[in-house]
Amino acid sequence: MSQKPDFDNMACPLPLMDHDTIQLAHGAGGRLSADLIEKLILPRFSSEELDRLEDQAVLDLPPGKLAFSTDTFVVSPIFFPGGDIGDLAINGTVNDVAMSGAEVVALSVGFVLEEGLPMADFHRILCSMEKAAAKAGVRIVTGDTKVVGHGACDKIFINTSGIGVIPSHLNLDSRLISPGDKILLSGSLADHGMAVMTAREELSFQAPLMSDSAALNGMIRKILEVCPNIKTMRDPTRGGVATTLNEFAAGSNTGIRLEGDRVPVLPDVMGACEILGIDPLYVANEGKLIAVVPEQDADAVLQVMREDELGNDAVILGEVVAEHPGMVTLLTALGTERIVDMPIGEQLPRIC
C-alpha cells in the first residue's frame, strides 16, 4: 500500500538559476520569464490544466452551484511564525470558498514580484504554497507573474482566486439566522494577527506566538455531514470575530449575545493583546471558523469540531436572540452586558 507523502518534511531544493534575485526581465515574457516558470513555478504547482501553459484553464465541474472567491495578500512581514504569505494565500482562498459549503475544486495564483526579491525567498514561498495546496487537496490550474521595479511593491504580493461546487441541497445564508440558533467558534482567537504583529514589531514572548493559518475545508466537510441545515459559516479574518458577528446580526436583523467567559484566547496571545492595547475579538484569524447552527444541532457540530485537529478548542460562543436586533453584546464576568461594535477602521494593517 502506498503511503501518503509527508509534505511537511519534504526537501524543496532551490533549482539552479541564472540570477540570485528577481530581475525586471523575469516578467518580460522572454527567456528569463520562461526559466522562472519552468524551473520554479511549474514543478511546485504542476497539474493537467496548468502544464498546458494556456491563458486559461478549462475545467470539468460536477453538478451544483458554483462558488467563486478572490483575495489579494500583502502581509508584512512575508515570513512570520507559523507560516508565510504563500500558505496564507492558499489557505485564505480555500477557506473563503469552503465557507459556502462548496467542495473546493481549483485555484489560480497571480504574483506581483519586486525587482531584487531574493530568488531563495520566492522559492521558499512557492514550496510553502505547494505544501498548503497538497494538504487542502486542491490544485493550481492557472496563474500569472508580473515584476515591478524596486520600491514599486513590498517584496511580493499574491492574488489567489478559487472555485468550488456547492451541492444543490445546501443553502448557507446569514439571512437565515434566527433567534435560538447557536454561535460556534472552532478555536482560540487572534493567533494569526498577533503572530504577524509581534514579528513585525520584533516583540518577544516566553513562547513564540504562532499563526493559525490552515485550510478548513476538511473540517467543514465533516460539519456538513452532521448538520446539513447549518445556517451559515464564516472565517473571521480582517476585523475578527466582532466584525463577522456584527455582519451576521445586521444581515439577519437579529441580536447576538456572547458569553465572555467562553471566549478562547491563549495566554501569550492575550498578553500580546494587552501590551498593544488590542481586543482579541477584533484581531484577524486565518485558521478558525464561526458556524451558526440550529440549537438542536449545536452539540453534534461542537463534537465534530473538537475531534478535528484544527478544532480542539472549539466552543459554543453564544446564541442568537430576538433582543437588540442588529447588535452584538457580550456578557462579562461581572454580569454586565457590553456592546461589541464594528471597528471604525483597521487596527492591524497588512495582516493578510
Protein backbone atom coordinates (compact mmCIF):
# COMPACT_ATOMS: atom_id res chain seq x y z
CA MET A 1 0.00 0.00 0.00
CA SER A 2 1.42 3.40 -0.97
CA GLN A 3 1.95 5.89 1.83
CA LYS A 4 0.78 9.50 1.75
CA PRO A 5 3.74 11.86 1.12
CA ASP A 6 4.96 13.75 4.18
CA PHE A 7 4.77 17.22 2.65
CA ASP A 8 5.74 18.94 5.89
CA ASN A 9 9.19 17.35 5.88
CA MET A 10 9.95 17.02 2.18
CA ALA A 11 13.05 18.84 0.94
CA CYS A 12 12.44 21.59 -1.60
CA PRO A 13 15.88 22.47 -3.06
CA LEU A 14 16.28 25.69 -5.00
CA PRO A 15 16.89 24.94 -8.70
CA LEU A 16 19.99 26.36 -10.33
CA MET A 17 19.06 29.81 -11.65
CA ASP A 18 20.97 32.42 -13.64
CA HIS A 19 20.23 35.14 -11.05
CA ASP A 20 20.07 35.23 -7.25
CA THR A 21 17.32 37.85 -7.24
CA ILE A 22 14.22 38.67 -9.27
CA GLN A 23 15.02 40.84 -12.29
CA LEU A 24 12.63 43.00 -14.31
CA ALA A 25 13.34 40.67 -17.22
CA HIS A 26 11.71 37.82 -15.29
CA GLY A 27 8.38 39.50 -16.03
CA ALA A 28 9.10 40.49 -19.63
CA GLY A 29 7.92 37.31 -21.33
CA GLY A 30 11.32 36.25 -22.66
CA ARG A 31 13.83 33.56 -21.74
CA LEU A 32 14.12 34.60 -18.10
CA SER A 33 10.34 34.52 -17.74
CA ALA A 34 10.29 31.03 -19.20
CA ASP A 35 13.07 29.93 -16.81
CA LEU A 36 11.14 31.27 -13.81
CA ILE A 37 8.00 29.40 -14.83
CA GLU A 38 9.64 26.15 -15.91
CA LYS A 39 12.23 25.85 -13.14
CA LEU A 40 10.44 27.33 -10.11
CA ILE A 41 6.68 27.58 -10.60
CA LEU A 42 5.62 24.57 -12.67
CA PRO A 43 7.46 21.99 -10.53
CA ARG A 44 5.59 23.27 -7.46
CA PHE A 45 2.09 23.59 -8.95
CA SER A 46 2.05 21.04 -11.75
CA SER A 47 -1.47 20.00 -12.80
CA GLU A 48 -3.01 18.80 -16.03
CA GLU A 49 -4.52 22.24 -16.65
CA LEU A 50 -1.52 24.36 -15.64
CA ASP A 51 1.04 22.30 -17.54
CA ARG A 52 -0.63 23.29 -20.81
CA LEU A 53 0.53 26.90 -20.21
CA GLU A 54 -2.59 28.32 -21.85
CA ASP A 55 -4.03 31.71 -20.91
CA GLN A 56 -6.95 29.99 -19.20
CA ALA A 57 -7.86 26.72 -17.55
CA VAL A 58 -10.67 24.57 -18.93
CA LEU A 59 -12.34 22.57 -16.16
CA ASP A 60 -14.89 19.78 -15.99
CA LEU A 61 -17.07 20.55 -12.96
CA PRO A 62 -19.55 18.31 -11.15
CA PRO A 63 -23.20 19.42 -10.99
CA GLY A 64 -24.15 22.01 -8.41
CA LYS A 65 -23.92 25.73 -7.73
CA LEU A 66 -20.60 27.44 -8.40
CA ALA A 67 -18.80 29.27 -5.57
CA PHE A 68 -16.11 31.76 -6.57
CA SER A 69 -13.80 33.93 -4.46
CA THR A 70 -10.72 36.07 -4.95
CA ASP A 71 -8.31 37.66 -2.48
CA THR A 72 -5.02 39.56 -2.60
CA PHE A 73 -2.38 39.07 0.08
CA VAL A 74 0.02 41.85 1.08
CA VAL A 75 1.04 40.68 4.57
CA SER A 76 4.13 42.20 6.17
CA PRO A 77 6.47 40.58 7.07
CA ILE A 78 6.19 37.93 4.37
CA PHE A 79 7.57 35.27 6.75
CA PHE A 80 6.12 35.00 10.25
CA PRO A 81 5.92 32.35 13.00
CA GLY A 82 3.65 29.58 11.81
CA GLY A 83 3.53 30.49 8.14
CA ASP A 84 4.27 32.90 5.33
CA ILE A 85 2.49 34.84 2.61
CA GLY A 86 2.43 31.72 0.44
CA ASP A 87 0.49 29.28 2.60
CA LEU A 88 -1.64 32.18 3.80
CA ALA A 89 -2.71 32.87 0.20
CA ILE A 90 -3.68 29.25 -0.40
CA ASN A 91 -5.43 28.71 2.92
CA GLY A 92 -7.25 32.04 2.85
CA THR A 93 -8.90 31.44 -0.51
CA VAL A 94 -9.63 27.76 0.18
CA ASN A 95 -11.44 28.86 3.34
CA ASP A 96 -13.39 31.65 1.64
CA VAL A 97 -14.76 29.22 -0.94
CA ALA A 98 -15.37 26.38 1.53
CA MET A 99 -17.41 28.60 3.90
CA SER A 100 -20.23 28.47 1.35
CA GLY A 101 -20.39 24.69 1.78
CA ALA A 102 -18.57 24.15 -1.51
CA GLU A 103 -16.06 21.44 -2.32
CA VAL A 104 -13.05 23.49 -3.43
CA VAL A 105 -12.03 22.42 -6.95
CA ALA A 106 -9.22 24.68 -8.15
CA LEU A 107 -7.23 27.85 -7.52
CA SER A 108 -5.48 30.43 -9.65
CA VAL A 109 -2.35 32.24 -8.45
CA GLY A 110 -1.08 35.65 -9.50
CA PHE A 111 2.26 37.05 -8.35
CA VAL A 112 3.49 40.63 -8.26
CA LEU A 113 7.23 40.46 -7.55
CA GLU A 114 9.51 43.34 -6.64
CA GLU A 115 12.77 43.61 -8.52
CA GLY A 116 15.52 42.44 -6.17
CA LEU A 117 13.44 39.89 -4.25
CA PRO A 118 15.86 37.08 -3.37
CA MET A 119 15.20 34.06 -5.55
CA ALA A 120 15.55 31.85 -2.45
CA ASP A 121 12.69 33.72 -0.75
CA PHE A 122 10.43 33.31 -3.77
CA HIS A 123 11.27 29.62 -3.94
CA ARG A 124 10.57 29.19 -0.22
CA ILE A 125 7.15 30.78 -0.70
CA LEU A 126 6.39 28.54 -3.68
CA CYS A 127 7.29 25.45 -1.66
CA SER A 128 5.03 26.63 1.15
CA MET A 129 2.16 27.09 -1.31
CA GLU A 130 2.75 23.65 -2.76
CA LYS A 131 2.51 22.05 0.69
CA ALA A 132 -0.60 24.04 1.62
CA ALA A 133 -2.38 23.14 -1.63
CA ALA A 134 -1.50 19.47 -1.23
CA LYS A 135 -2.72 19.43 2.37
CA ALA A 136 -6.00 21.08 1.36
CA GLY A 137 -6.37 18.69 -1.59
CA VAL A 138 -6.74 21.45 -4.21
CA ARG A 139 -4.87 22.07 -7.44
CA ILE A 140 -3.48 25.21 -9.07
CA VAL A 141 -4.80 25.41 -12.62
CA THR A 142 -3.77 28.83 -13.95
CA GLY A 143 -1.76 31.87 -12.95
CA ASP A 144 0.25 34.94 -13.84
CA THR A 145 3.52 36.59 -12.82
CA LYS A 146 4.41 40.28 -13.03
CA VAL A 147 7.63 42.02 -11.96
CA VAL A 148 7.71 45.69 -10.93
CA GLY A 149 10.67 47.97 -10.24
CA HIS A 150 12.39 48.17 -6.89
CA GLY A 151 10.16 50.08 -4.45
CA ALA A 152 7.01 49.68 -6.54
CA CYS A 153 5.70 46.95 -4.21
CA ASP A 154 6.87 45.44 -0.93
CA LYS A 155 8.77 42.26 -1.93
CA ILE A 156 5.81 40.18 -3.10
CA PHE A 157 2.04 40.43 -3.40
CA ILE A 158 -0.07 37.37 -4.22
CA ASN A 159 -3.60 37.10 -5.60
CA THR A 160 -5.41 33.79 -5.34
CA SER A 161 -8.84 33.02 -6.76
CA GLY A 162 -10.75 29.84 -6.14
CA ILE A 163 -13.81 27.99 -7.38
CA GLY A 164 -15.85 25.27 -5.76
CA VAL A 165 -19.11 23.43 -6.28
CA ILE A 166 -21.96 23.62 -3.73
CA PRO A 167 -24.27 20.58 -3.58
CA SER A 168 -27.76 21.58 -4.67
CA HIS A 169 -29.32 20.70 -1.30
CA LEU A 170 -27.17 23.21 0.62
CA ASN A 171 -28.20 26.83 1.09
CA LEU A 172 -26.00 28.73 3.54
CA ASP A 173 -27.11 32.32 4.02
CA SER A 174 -26.67 34.64 7.00
CA ARG A 175 -30.18 35.97 6.36
CA LEU A 176 -31.50 32.60 7.55
CA ILE A 177 -30.16 33.17 11.08
CA SER A 178 -32.96 33.24 13.67
CA PRO A 179 -33.35 33.54 17.46
CA GLY A 180 -32.34 30.37 19.28
CA ASP A 181 -29.51 29.48 16.90
CA LYS A 182 -26.12 28.82 18.49
CA ILE A 183 -22.82 30.52 17.60
CA LEU A 184 -19.89 28.08 17.45
CA LEU A 185 -16.21 29.03 17.18
CA SER A 186 -13.66 26.41 16.16
CA GLY A 187 -10.77 27.56 18.38
CA SER A 188 -8.68 30.27 20.02
CA LEU A 189 -8.81 33.86 18.79
CA ALA A 190 -6.20 36.30 17.49
CA ASP A 191 -3.38 33.80 16.90
CA HIS A 192 -2.61 34.93 13.34
CA GLY A 193 -2.94 38.66 13.80
CA MET A 194 -0.80 38.78 16.91
CA ALA A 195 1.85 36.45 15.45
CA VAL A 196 2.24 38.79 12.49
CA MET A 197 2.15 41.94 14.60
CA THR A 198 4.72 40.75 17.14
CA ALA A 199 7.02 39.60 14.32
CA ARG A 200 6.63 43.00 12.64
CA GLU A 201 7.37 44.87 15.85
CA GLU A 202 10.09 42.36 16.87
CA LEU A 203 8.41 41.67 20.20
CA SER A 204 9.46 38.50 22.03
CA PHE A 205 7.49 36.37 24.48
CA GLN A 206 8.31 33.37 26.61
CA ALA A 207 6.61 31.17 24.00
CA PRO A 208 6.59 32.36 20.38
CA LEU A 209 3.17 33.32 19.04
CA MET A 210 2.22 31.16 16.06
CA SER A 211 -0.15 31.94 13.22
CA ASP A 212 -3.16 29.63 12.94
CA SER A 213 -3.05 29.68 9.13
CA ALA A 214 -4.74 26.49 7.91
CA ALA A 215 -7.24 25.23 5.35
CA LEU A 216 -10.56 24.35 6.97
CA ASN A 217 -12.29 22.55 4.10
CA GLY A 218 -11.76 19.15 5.73
CA MET A 219 -13.43 20.26 8.96
CA ILE A 220 -16.26 21.89 7.02
CA ARG A 221 -16.92 18.65 5.15
CA LYS A 222 -17.40 16.85 8.48
CA ILE A 223 -19.65 19.62 9.86
CA LEU A 224 -21.95 19.44 6.85
CA GLU A 225 -22.31 15.68 7.27
CA VAL A 226 -23.83 16.08 10.75
CA CYS A 227 -25.60 19.40 10.13
CA PRO A 228 -26.78 19.84 6.52
CA ASN A 229 -29.26 22.52 7.64
CA ILE A 230 -26.50 24.78 9.02
CA LYS A 231 -27.41 28.46 8.69
CA THR A 232 -24.05 30.00 7.75
CA MET A 233 -20.28 29.87 8.24
CA ARG A 234 -17.51 32.43 8.01
CA ASP A 235 -13.79 32.59 8.72
CA PRO A 236 -13.25 35.70 10.88
CA THR A 237 -10.25 37.27 9.17
CA ARG A 238 -9.83 41.06 8.97
CA GLY A 239 -11.88 42.69 11.73
CA GLY A 240 -12.01 39.41 13.63
CA VAL A 241 -14.97 37.76 15.31
CA ALA A 242 -16.53 41.10 16.26
CA THR A 243 -16.84 42.24 12.65
CA THR A 244 -18.15 38.90 11.40
CA LEU A 245 -20.84 38.67 14.06
CA ASN A 246 -21.93 42.27 13.53
CA GLU A 247 -22.36 41.48 9.84
CA PHE A 248 -24.45 38.42 10.76
CA ALA A 249 -26.62 40.43 13.15
CA ALA A 250 -27.19 43.21 10.62
CA GLY A 251 -27.89 40.82 7.75
CA SER A 252 -30.45 38.77 9.70
CA ASN A 253 -31.91 41.64 11.78
CA THR A 254 -31.33 39.64 14.95
CA GLY A 255 -29.28 40.16 18.09
CA ILE A 256 -26.27 38.10 19.09
CA ARG A 257 -25.23 37.55 22.69
CA LEU A 258 -21.78 36.18 23.52
CA GLU A 259 -20.65 34.55 26.76
CA GLY A 260 -17.50 36.41 27.80
CA ASP A 261 -16.11 33.57 29.89
CA ARG A 262 -16.19 31.28 26.83
CA VAL A 263 -14.02 33.44 24.56
CA PRO A 264 -10.92 31.29 23.95
CA VAL A 265 -7.62 33.18 23.85
CA LEU A 266 -4.21 31.62 24.51
CA PRO A 267 -2.38 33.23 27.47
CA ASP A 268 0.59 34.54 25.45
CA VAL A 269 -1.74 35.89 22.78
CA MET A 270 -3.78 37.66 25.44
CA GLY A 271 -0.56 39.09 26.87
CA ALA A 272 0.41 40.49 23.48
CA CYS A 273 -3.06 41.97 23.04
CA GLU A 274 -2.85 43.66 26.42
CA ILE A 275 0.61 45.08 25.70
CA LEU A 276 -0.58 46.52 22.38
CA GLY A 277 -3.98 47.59 23.72
CA ILE A 278 -5.96 45.44 21.28
CA ASP A 279 -9.17 43.49 21.91
CA PRO A 280 -8.72 39.90 20.61
CA LEU A 281 -12.31 39.93 19.35
CA TYR A 282 -11.16 42.34 16.63
CA VAL A 283 -7.98 40.53 15.54
CA ALA A 284 -7.69 38.53 12.31
CA ASN A 285 -7.71 34.73 12.36
CA GLU A 286 -6.66 32.55 9.43
CA GLY A 287 -7.48 29.05 10.64
CA LYS A 288 -10.75 29.42 12.56
CA LEU A 289 -14.40 29.42 11.58
CA ILE A 290 -17.66 30.64 13.03
CA ALA A 291 -20.72 28.45 12.43
CA VAL A 292 -24.31 29.42 13.17
CA VAL A 293 -26.40 26.28 13.65
CA PRO A 294 -29.88 25.36 14.91
CA GLU A 295 -29.89 24.75 18.66
CA GLN A 296 -30.62 21.03 18.29
CA ASP A 297 -27.50 20.54 16.14
CA ALA A 298 -25.05 22.53 18.27
CA ASP A 299 -23.67 19.66 20.36
CA ALA A 300 -23.11 17.43 17.31
CA VAL A 301 -21.27 20.19 15.44
CA LEU A 302 -19.20 21.02 18.52
CA GLN A 303 -18.13 17.39 18.84
CA VAL A 304 -17.12 17.23 15.17
CA MET A 305 -15.07 20.40 15.54
CA ARG A 306 -13.29 19.13 18.66
CA GLU A 307 -12.46 15.81 17.00
CA ASP A 308 -10.67 17.63 14.18
CA GLU A 309 -7.01 18.56 14.75
CA LEU A 310 -7.84 22.18 13.90
CA GLY A 311 -10.77 22.46 16.30
CA ASN A 312 -9.64 21.01 19.63
CA ASP A 313 -10.51 24.25 21.47
CA ALA A 314 -13.92 24.76 19.83
CA VAL A 315 -16.66 26.35 21.94
CA ILE A 316 -20.29 27.38 21.81
CA LEU A 317 -19.57 31.08 22.00
CA GLY A 318 -23.10 32.42 22.30
CA GLU A 319 -26.55 32.49 20.77
CA VAL A 320 -28.85 34.44 18.51
CA VAL A 321 -31.54 36.42 20.35
CA ALA A 322 -34.60 38.47 19.46
CA GLU A 323 -33.46 41.40 21.62
CA HIS A 324 -31.36 44.30 20.29
CA PRO A 325 -31.65 43.36 16.58
CA GLY A 326 -28.58 44.27 14.55
CA MET A 327 -26.33 44.38 17.63
CA VAL A 328 -23.78 42.07 19.25
CA THR A 329 -23.35 42.07 23.03
CA LEU A 330 -21.07 40.23 25.42
CA LEU A 331 -21.88 39.11 28.96
CA THR A 332 -18.89 39.95 31.17
CA ALA A 333 -17.61 38.12 34.24
CA LEU A 334 -19.20 40.86 36.35
CA GLY A 335 -22.64 40.01 34.99
CA THR A 336 -22.88 43.18 32.91
CA GLU A 337 -23.58 43.26 29.19
CA ARG A 338 -21.47 45.40 26.86
CA ILE A 339 -21.87 46.18 23.19
CA VAL A 340 -19.36 44.62 20.79
CA ASP A 341 -19.45 47.17 17.98
CA MET A 342 -17.96 47.19 14.50
CA PRO A 343 -14.43 48.65 14.41
CA ILE A 344 -14.16 52.12 12.93
CA GLY A 345 -11.01 51.28 10.99
CA GLU A 346 -8.37 48.60 10.63
CA GLN A 347 -6.38 48.16 13.86
CA LEU A 348 -3.76 45.89 12.31
CA PRO A 349 -2.95 46.75 8.69
CA ARG A 350 -1.34 44.26 6.34
CA ILE A 351 -2.18 41.20 8.42
CA CYS A 352 -3.22 39.21 5.34
